[in-house]
Amino acid sequence: MKFAAGQESKKAGYKVPFGTVSITPRARQLINEALDSKWVTKGKYVHEFEERFAALFGMKHGVAVSSGTDADALACAALYDFGARRGDEVIVPALSFVATGNAVFQAGLTPVFVDVQRDSLNIDPALIEEKITPRTRAIMPVHLMGKPAAMDEICAIARRHNLRIIEDAAEAHGAEYKGRKIGAIGDMSCFSLYAAHIVTTIEGGMILTNCGQTAEALRSLRNHGMTGKFTFSRIGFSSKMNELEAAVGLGNLDIFGQILETRRRNMLYLIDRFRRLDRYFITLKEEAHEKLGPHAFSIILREGLPFGKDEFVSYIESQGVDSRNLFYSMPTQCPSYAFLGHRIGDFPQAEYCSDQGTHIGIHQDIEISQLDYAAEVVEAYLRRKGLTV
């Protein structure tokens, strides 16, 4: 399907949906078995899911929790077992889903925000050290949109300052950085298992670590701080995963390779399709040293275009291409964080990405023909604005 200059799509009802959920026959079988057994809280399926997920990333311990936000919060709370005190600081990127910052607060710690790089969407390592204080305990890079953060530089900074690294790998399932799997580089890594992600339990999260002491603390933290039977050794959370969610996750792990391959095909296809539009949009590129985790396809408008993001998004949505905003600069664009005292302009790159960025789906149920359609909708819009494609 090709659009002539100024021509509207004739398939406005043709939806290119943002997300999907894969529920396998085995998952349905395990759900029924759990229901029949009447043991639906954390049990054998959760344990199996933890072991298999950890093994997928070459890690020793997996701790399943009720959401990716809880994964971040518990990982931060585990820092208390290593000397952190209430109000101590965790360095995070300004641009992320708001759960990243919220989780730090939920753990009783203080997020310290660092601006991002516009082309990678990730925390700018050159700006980290100026934010480190005697109260800093960890750096939490976010591999946004599945793009690996600059882990060599981040790890070097952490070593110099004796800081722990918590990888927020919520969207980075299957990503790699210089031959290492994202999620297997930091002291802890946190995954979201929300419905739109590569491995899903519908809701849910996972924390990975190679440290037995950390894993023990995390298991206690997810269950009210309990150790043994009704001994409460720390202030904890109620964030256990249940058997039904784990059953869905086990089904996803059975087909992880297929999901990852299809999503990577879709992501690389769109990267290639959008090369000719590089003068108009910033899109993520896959560098030689990395593999992107194929979560979604981000599109950021370049400066000086004769249209804005809201108009652009309104058009592609009207033509059936589903999209989501490219998150926000938490300290300056989320009103809930106004008490921190930051002002618009303090994090210019994060603010620009939010103001001018959107993202569309590349999930395993999308066909190449749908990706072609989405790209052609974008090209048709540019022609409407008198631009050459």
Protein backbone atom coordinates (compact mmCIF):
# COMPACT_ATOMS: atom_id res chain seq x y z
CA MET A 1 0.00 0.00 0.00
CA LYS A 2 1.42 3.38 -1.02
CA PHE A 3 0.07 6.83 -0.30
CA ALA A 4 0.34 9.62 -2.83
CA ALA A 5 1.20 13.10 -1.57
CA GLY A 6 -1.69 14.38 0.50
CA GLN A 7 -3.66 11.12 0.24
CA GLU A 8 -5.42 9.89 3.39
CA SER A 9 -5.25 6.27 4.47
CA LYS A 10 -8.25 4.26 3.33
CA LYS A 11 -7.80 1.90 6.30
CA ALA A 12 -8.42 4.18 9.26
CA GLY A 13 -9.97 1.26 11.13
CA TYR A 14 -6.89 -0.92 10.64
CA LYS A 15 -5.31 -1.09 14.08
CA VAL A 16 -1.62 -1.61 14.74
CA PRO A 17 -1.97 -2.36 18.47
CA PHE A 18 0.70 -1.39 20.96
CA GLY A 19 0.82 -4.57 23.04
CA THR A 20 -0.20 -8.20 23.27
CA VAL A 21 -0.17 -11.14 25.69
CA SER A 22 0.91 -14.69 24.88
CA ILE A 23 -1.00 -17.28 26.93
CA THR A 24 0.27 -20.73 25.93
CA PRO A 25 -1.61 -24.05 26.20
CA ARG A 26 0.83 -25.14 28.93
CA ALA A 27 0.10 -21.98 30.89
CA ARG A 28 -3.62 -22.74 30.75
CA GLN A 29 -2.91 -26.30 31.90
CA LEU A 30 -0.81 -25.12 34.85
CA ILE A 31 -3.45 -22.55 35.82
CA ASN A 32 -6.11 -25.27 35.89
CA GLU A 33 -3.84 -27.55 37.92
CA ALA A 34 -3.22 -24.79 40.45
CA LEU A 35 -6.93 -24.04 40.72
CA ASP A 36 -7.74 -27.73 41.14
CA SER A 37 -5.11 -28.06 43.87
CA LYS A 38 -6.54 -24.97 45.65
CA TRP A 39 -2.95 -23.81 46.25
CA VAL A 40 -2.84 -20.56 44.35
CA THR A 41 -0.54 -18.39 46.48
CA LYS A 42 3.26 -18.60 46.15
CA GLY A 43 4.22 -22.23 45.66
CA LYS A 44 5.96 -24.67 43.36
CA TYR A 45 5.22 -22.81 40.11
CA VAL A 46 6.63 -19.57 41.48
CA HIS A 47 9.76 -21.44 42.59
CA GLU A 48 10.15 -23.08 39.17
CA PHE A 49 9.62 -19.75 37.43
CA GLU A 50 12.28 -18.09 39.59
CA GLU A 51 14.83 -20.82 38.84
CA ARG A 52 14.18 -20.85 35.10
CA PHE A 53 14.19 -17.06 34.77
CA ALA A 54 17.47 -16.77 36.65
CA ALA A 55 19.01 -19.54 34.54
CA LEU A 56 17.96 -17.71 31.36
CA PHE A 57 20.25 -14.84 32.40
CA GLY A 58 22.99 -16.98 33.92
CA MET A 59 22.23 -15.72 37.43
CA LYS A 60 22.14 -17.70 40.69
CA HIS A 61 19.03 -16.29 42.34
CA GLY A 62 15.64 -15.12 41.12
CA VAL A 63 13.10 -13.53 43.45
CA ALA A 64 9.62 -13.18 41.96
CA VAL A 65 7.44 -10.28 43.12
CA SER A 66 4.09 -8.73 42.27
CA SER A 67 5.26 -5.99 39.87
CA GLY A 68 8.27 -4.39 38.26
CA THR A 69 7.80 -1.43 40.60
CA ASP A 70 8.06 -3.75 43.58
CA ALA A 71 11.19 -5.27 42.05
CA ASP A 72 12.83 -1.82 42.02
CA ALA A 73 11.54 -0.97 45.51
CA LEU A 74 12.73 -4.22 47.09
CA ALA A 75 16.12 -3.96 45.39
CA CYS A 76 16.49 -0.48 46.89
CA ALA A 77 15.28 -1.70 50.29
CA ALA A 78 17.87 -4.49 50.20
CA LEU A 79 20.52 -1.76 50.40
CA TYR A 80 19.71 -1.43 54.11
CA ASP A 81 21.37 -4.80 54.65
CA PHE A 82 24.56 -3.23 53.33
CA GLY A 83 24.65 -0.06 55.41
CA ALA A 84 22.09 2.25 53.82
CA ARG A 85 19.99 4.47 56.08
CA ARG A 86 16.65 6.17 55.60
CA GLY A 87 16.94 9.09 53.21
CA ASP A 88 20.16 7.88 51.58
CA GLU A 89 20.40 8.44 47.84
CA VAL A 90 20.02 6.37 44.68
CA ILE A 91 21.03 7.92 41.35
CA VAL A 92 18.45 7.40 38.61
CA PRO A 93 17.86 8.84 35.11
CA ALA A 94 15.42 11.72 34.88
CA LEU A 95 13.60 10.03 31.97
CA SER A 96 11.77 6.81 32.80
CA PHE A 97 8.38 5.45 33.65
CA VAL A 98 7.49 7.12 36.93
CA ALA A 99 7.67 3.80 38.78
CA THR A 100 11.47 4.06 38.77
CA GLY A 101 11.45 7.15 40.97
CA ASN A 102 8.44 6.04 42.98
CA ALA A 103 10.16 2.79 43.94
CA VAL A 104 13.12 4.62 45.44
CA PHE A 105 10.77 6.68 47.61
CA GLN A 106 8.80 3.57 48.57
CA ALA A 107 12.02 2.07 49.92
CA GLY A 108 12.54 5.13 52.12
CA LEU A 109 15.43 6.43 50.02
CA THR A 110 15.88 9.56 47.92
CA PRO A 111 16.13 9.53 44.12
CA VAL A 112 18.79 11.84 42.71
CA PHE A 113 18.08 12.55 39.07
CA VAL A 114 20.56 12.74 36.20
CA ASP A 115 19.74 13.88 32.66
CA VAL A 116 19.80 11.46 29.74
CA GLN A 117 21.37 11.32 26.30
CA ARG A 118 18.83 12.18 23.63
CA ASP A 119 20.01 9.57 21.13
CA SER A 120 20.06 6.66 23.58
CA LEU A 121 17.32 7.75 26.03
CA ASN A 122 19.58 6.50 28.83
CA ILE A 123 21.35 8.15 31.76
CA ASP A 124 24.33 10.29 30.69
CA PRO A 125 27.36 8.75 32.44
CA ALA A 126 29.30 12.02 32.08
CA LEU A 127 26.82 13.68 34.48
CA ILE A 128 26.71 11.03 37.20
CA GLU A 129 29.75 11.81 39.34
CA GLU A 130 28.75 15.40 39.99
CA LYS A 131 25.58 14.07 41.66
CA ILE A 132 27.39 11.66 44.01
CA THR A 133 27.44 12.66 47.69
CA PRO A 134 28.49 10.90 50.92
CA ARG A 135 24.90 9.62 51.14
CA THR A 136 24.83 7.98 47.71
CA ARG A 137 24.42 4.20 47.95
CA ALA A 138 23.61 3.00 44.45
CA ILE A 139 23.22 3.86 40.78
CA MET A 140 20.08 2.56 39.05
CA PRO A 141 20.47 2.82 35.28
CA VAL A 142 17.34 2.17 33.24
CA HIS A 143 17.76 0.37 29.91
CA LEU A 144 14.92 2.37 28.38
CA MET A 145 13.09 0.88 25.40
CA GLY A 146 15.49 -2.06 25.68
CA LYS A 147 18.51 0.09 24.76
CA PRO A 148 21.47 -0.92 26.98
CA ALA A 149 22.83 1.89 29.13
CA ALA A 150 26.57 2.65 29.02
CA MET A 151 27.42 -0.03 31.56
CA ASP A 152 31.23 0.12 31.26
CA GLU A 153 31.26 3.76 32.32
CA ILE A 154 28.59 3.24 34.97
CA CYS A 155 30.39 0.24 36.48
CA ALA A 156 33.67 2.18 36.58
CA ILE A 157 32.00 5.04 38.44
CA ALA A 158 30.37 2.62 40.89
CA ARG A 159 33.73 0.97 41.62
CA ARG A 160 35.44 4.32 42.23
CA HIS A 161 32.81 5.33 44.75
CA ASN A 162 31.99 1.92 46.27
CA LEU A 163 28.39 2.02 45.04
CA ARG A 164 26.06 -0.80 44.14
CA ILE A 165 24.39 -1.04 40.74
CA ILE A 166 20.71 -1.91 40.39
CA GLU A 167 19.80 -2.46 36.74
CA ASP A 168 16.25 -1.46 35.88
CA ALA A 169 15.82 -3.89 33.01
CA ALA A 170 12.02 -3.60 32.95
CA GLU A 171 11.91 -3.24 29.16
CA ALA A 172 15.19 -4.93 28.28
CA HIS A 173 14.44 -8.65 28.22
CA GLY A 174 16.89 -10.22 25.77
CA ALA A 175 19.16 -7.17 25.46
CA GLU A 176 22.95 -7.59 25.43
CA TYR A 177 25.88 -5.26 26.07
CA LYS A 178 29.35 -6.21 24.82
CA GLY A 179 28.52 -9.90 24.94
CA ARG A 180 26.90 -9.78 28.40
CA LYS A 181 23.21 -10.08 29.04
CA ILE A 182 21.47 -7.04 30.40
CA GLY A 183 20.29 -8.07 33.83
CA ALA A 184 23.52 -9.95 34.54
CA ILE A 185 25.89 -6.99 34.95
CA GLY A 186 24.82 -5.14 38.11
CA ASP A 187 24.62 -6.30 41.72
CA MET A 188 20.88 -6.67 41.24
CA SER A 189 18.61 -6.40 38.22
CA CYS A 190 14.88 -5.75 38.10
CA PHE A 191 12.46 -6.87 35.41
CA SER A 192 8.85 -5.92 34.82
CA LEU A 193 6.63 -8.80 33.76
CA TYR A 194 3.70 -6.58 32.84
CA ALA A 195 1.39 -7.64 30.01
CA ALA A 196 3.15 -5.65 27.26
CA HIS A 197 6.62 -7.04 27.97
CA ILE A 198 8.50 -9.91 26.34
CA VAL A 199 8.14 -12.26 29.29
CA THR A 200 4.88 -11.60 31.10
CA THR A 201 2.99 -12.91 34.09
CA ILE A 202 0.22 -10.36 33.31
CA GLU A 203 1.40 -8.37 36.32
CA GLY A 204 4.60 -9.25 38.17
CA GLY A 205 8.30 -8.60 38.48
CA MET A 206 11.60 -10.39 39.02
CA ILE A 207 14.83 -9.49 40.79
CA LEU A 208 18.05 -11.29 39.89
CA THR A 209 21.27 -11.41 41.89
CA ASN A 210 24.32 -13.60 42.36
CA CYS A 211 24.62 -12.68 46.06
CA GLY A 212 23.07 -15.14 48.48
CA GLN A 213 22.80 -12.54 51.26
CA THR A 214 20.96 -10.17 48.94
CA ALA A 215 18.59 -12.90 47.76
CA GLU A 216 17.78 -13.82 51.36
CA ALA A 217 17.00 -10.19 52.16
CA LEU A 218 14.79 -9.86 49.07
CA ARG A 219 12.77 -12.97 49.95
CA SER A 220 12.22 -11.57 53.42
CA LEU A 221 11.32 -8.11 52.11
CA ARG A 222 8.62 -9.41 49.74
CA ASN A 223 6.87 -11.11 52.68
CA HIS A 224 6.56 -8.35 55.30
CA GLY A 225 10.20 -8.67 56.37
CA MET A 226 9.56 -12.16 57.67
CA THR A 227 12.27 -14.76 58.29
CA GLY A 228 11.19 -18.19 59.44
CA LYS A 229 7.70 -18.36 60.91
CA PHE A 230 6.46 -14.99 62.08
CA THR A 231 9.83 -13.54 62.92
CA PHE A 232 10.00 -10.05 61.44
CA SER A 233 13.60 -8.99 61.09
CA ARG A 234 13.15 -5.94 58.84
CA ILE A 235 10.44 -3.61 57.60
CA GLY A 236 9.05 -5.29 54.51
CA PHE A 237 6.44 -5.28 51.78
CA SER A 238 3.57 -7.51 50.70
CA SER A 239 4.61 -8.26 47.14
CA LYS A 240 4.58 -12.00 46.51
CA MET A 241 3.84 -13.50 43.10
CA ASN A 242 1.04 -16.08 42.97
CA GLU A 243 0.84 -19.46 41.22
CA LEU A 244 -1.50 -18.30 38.45
CA GLU A 245 0.85 -15.52 37.42
CA ALA A 246 3.83 -17.87 37.55
CA ALA A 247 1.96 -20.33 35.31
CA VAL A 248 1.59 -17.64 32.64
CA GLY A 249 5.28 -16.81 33.05
CA LEU A 250 6.37 -20.43 32.66
CA GLY A 251 4.40 -20.61 29.43
CA ASN A 252 6.18 -17.49 28.20
CA LEU A 253 9.59 -18.94 29.07
CA ASP A 254 8.74 -21.99 26.94
CA ILE A 255 8.46 -19.72 23.89
CA PHE A 256 10.90 -16.99 24.95
CA GLY A 257 13.16 -17.61 21.95
CA GLN A 258 10.27 -17.32 19.51
CA ILE A 259 8.92 -14.14 21.08
CA LEU A 260 12.37 -12.56 21.16
CA GLU A 261 13.14 -13.52 17.55
CA THR A 262 9.85 -12.11 16.25
CA ARG A 263 10.16 -8.88 18.21
CA ARG A 264 13.76 -8.41 17.10
CA ARG A 265 12.73 -8.98 13.49
CA ASN A 266 10.05 -6.33 13.86
CA MET A 267 12.36 -3.87 15.60
CA LEU A 268 15.18 -4.22 13.09
CA TYR A 269 12.71 -3.94 10.23
CA LEU A 270 11.39 -0.61 11.52
CA ILE A 271 14.91 0.66 12.22
CA ASP A 272 15.69 0.01 8.57
CA ARG A 273 12.40 1.49 7.32
CA PHE A 274 12.97 4.72 9.27
CA ARG A 275 16.55 5.30 8.07
CA ARG A 276 15.23 7.35 5.15
CA LEU A 277 13.36 9.54 7.66
CA ASP A 278 16.40 10.22 9.83
CA ARG A 279 16.34 13.95 9.04
CA TYR A 280 12.92 14.14 10.72
CA PHE A 281 13.05 11.65 13.58
CA ILE A 282 15.47 10.28 16.17
CA THR A 283 14.98 6.53 16.46
CA LEU A 284 17.07 4.04 18.40
CA LYS A 285 19.90 2.37 16.51
CA GLU A 286 21.54 -0.94 17.33
CA GLU A 287 25.30 -0.45 17.68
CA ALA A 288 27.90 -3.13 16.97
CA HIS A 289 28.56 -3.73 20.69
CA GLU A 290 24.95 -4.39 21.66
CA LYS A 291 21.64 -6.08 21.02
CA LEU A 292 18.54 -4.08 21.77
CA GLY A 293 15.83 -5.68 23.84
CA PRO A 294 12.86 -5.33 21.47
CA HIS A 295 10.26 -3.69 23.73
CA ALA A 296 8.85 -0.94 21.50
CA PHE A 297 9.89 1.46 18.74
CA SER A 298 10.51 5.02 19.88
CA ILE A 299 10.10 8.03 17.58
CA ILE A 300 11.38 11.46 18.66
CA LEU A 301 10.76 14.51 16.48
CA ARG A 302 13.86 16.47 15.57
CA GLU A 303 14.03 20.21 16.18
CA GLY A 304 12.75 22.65 13.60
CA LEU A 305 9.95 20.56 12.07
CA PRO A 306 6.78 22.31 10.84
CA PHE A 307 4.64 20.26 13.23
CA GLY A 308 4.63 19.12 16.85
CA LYS A 309 4.32 15.77 18.56
CA ASP A 310 0.66 16.17 19.55
CA GLU A 311 -0.39 16.79 15.94
CA PHE A 312 1.79 13.94 14.69
CA VAL A 313 0.45 11.47 17.26
CA SER A 314 -3.14 12.56 16.64
CA TYR A 315 -2.69 11.76 12.95
CA ILE A 316 -1.13 8.31 13.28
CA GLU A 317 -3.71 7.36 15.92
CA SER A 318 -6.51 8.50 13.62
CA GLN A 319 -5.08 6.13 11.03
CA GLY A 320 -5.14 3.17 13.42
CA VAL A 321 -1.53 3.18 14.70
CA ASP A 322 -1.60 2.85 18.49
CA SER A 323 1.07 4.73 20.44
CA ARG A 324 2.23 5.76 23.91
CA ASN A 325 4.02 8.87 25.16
CA LEU A 326 7.77 8.48 25.67
CA PHE A 327 7.42 8.84 29.48
CA TYR A 328 8.31 12.05 31.33
CA SER A 329 11.13 13.85 33.05
CA MET A 330 10.12 12.69 36.51
CA PRO A 331 11.55 15.62 38.52
CA THR A 332 10.16 18.36 36.25
CA GLN A 333 7.18 16.95 34.33
CA CYS A 334 5.47 14.87 37.02
CA PRO A 335 3.49 17.16 39.37
CA SER A 336 3.82 14.60 42.19
CA TYR A 337 7.55 15.42 42.34
CA ALA A 338 7.14 19.19 42.57
CA PHE A 339 8.17 19.10 46.25
CA LEU A 340 11.75 18.34 45.13
CA GLY A 341 12.02 21.90 43.84
CA HIS A 342 13.27 21.19 40.32
CA ARG A 343 12.19 23.46 37.49
CA ILE A 344 11.57 22.97 33.78
CA GLY A 345 14.95 23.31 32.08
CA ASP A 346 16.89 21.44 34.77
CA PHE A 347 16.85 18.23 32.67
CA PRO A 348 16.64 19.50 29.08
CA GLN A 349 17.30 16.22 27.28
CA ALA A 350 14.77 14.23 29.29
CA GLU A 351 12.22 17.02 28.86
CA TYR A 352 12.82 17.16 25.11
CA CYS A 353 12.40 13.40 24.71
CA SER A 354 9.13 13.57 26.60
CA ASP A 355 7.81 16.63 24.79
CA GLN A 356 8.74 15.31 21.34
CA GLY A 357 8.71 11.53 21.75
CA THR A 358 6.28 8.68 21.30
CA HIS A 359 6.57 4.93 20.76
CA ILE A 360 4.66 2.24 18.87
CA GLY A 361 4.38 -1.52 19.19
CA ILE A 362 6.67 -4.18 17.71
CA HIS A 363 5.26 -7.15 19.62
CA GLN A 364 5.11 -10.77 18.53
CA ASP A 365 1.57 -10.57 17.11
CA ILE A 366 2.42 -7.76 14.68
CA GLU A 367 3.10 -8.77 11.08
CA ILE A 368 5.54 -7.11 8.66
CA SER A 369 2.56 -5.85 6.65
CA GLN A 370 1.38 -3.94 9.73
CA LEU A 371 4.83 -2.42 10.21
CA ASP A 372 4.79 -1.36 6.57
CA TYR A 373 1.39 0.19 7.14
CA ALA A 374 2.63 2.12 10.21
CA ALA A 375 5.66 3.42 8.30
CA GLU A 376 3.50 4.44 5.35
CA VAL A 377 1.14 6.32 7.65
CA VAL A 378 4.12 8.29 8.95
CA GLU A 379 5.36 8.96 5.43
CA ALA A 380 1.89 10.06 4.34
CA TYR A 381 1.81 12.55 7.19
CA LEU A 382 5.17 14.00 6.20
CA ARG A 383 3.94 14.46 2.64
CA ARG A 384 0.85 16.25 3.96
CA LYS A 385 3.25 18.68 5.64
CA GLY A 386 5.05 19.26 2.33
CA LEU A 387 8.16 17.25 3.29
CA THR A 388 10.14 14.91 1.03
CA VAL A 389 10.37 11.22 1.91
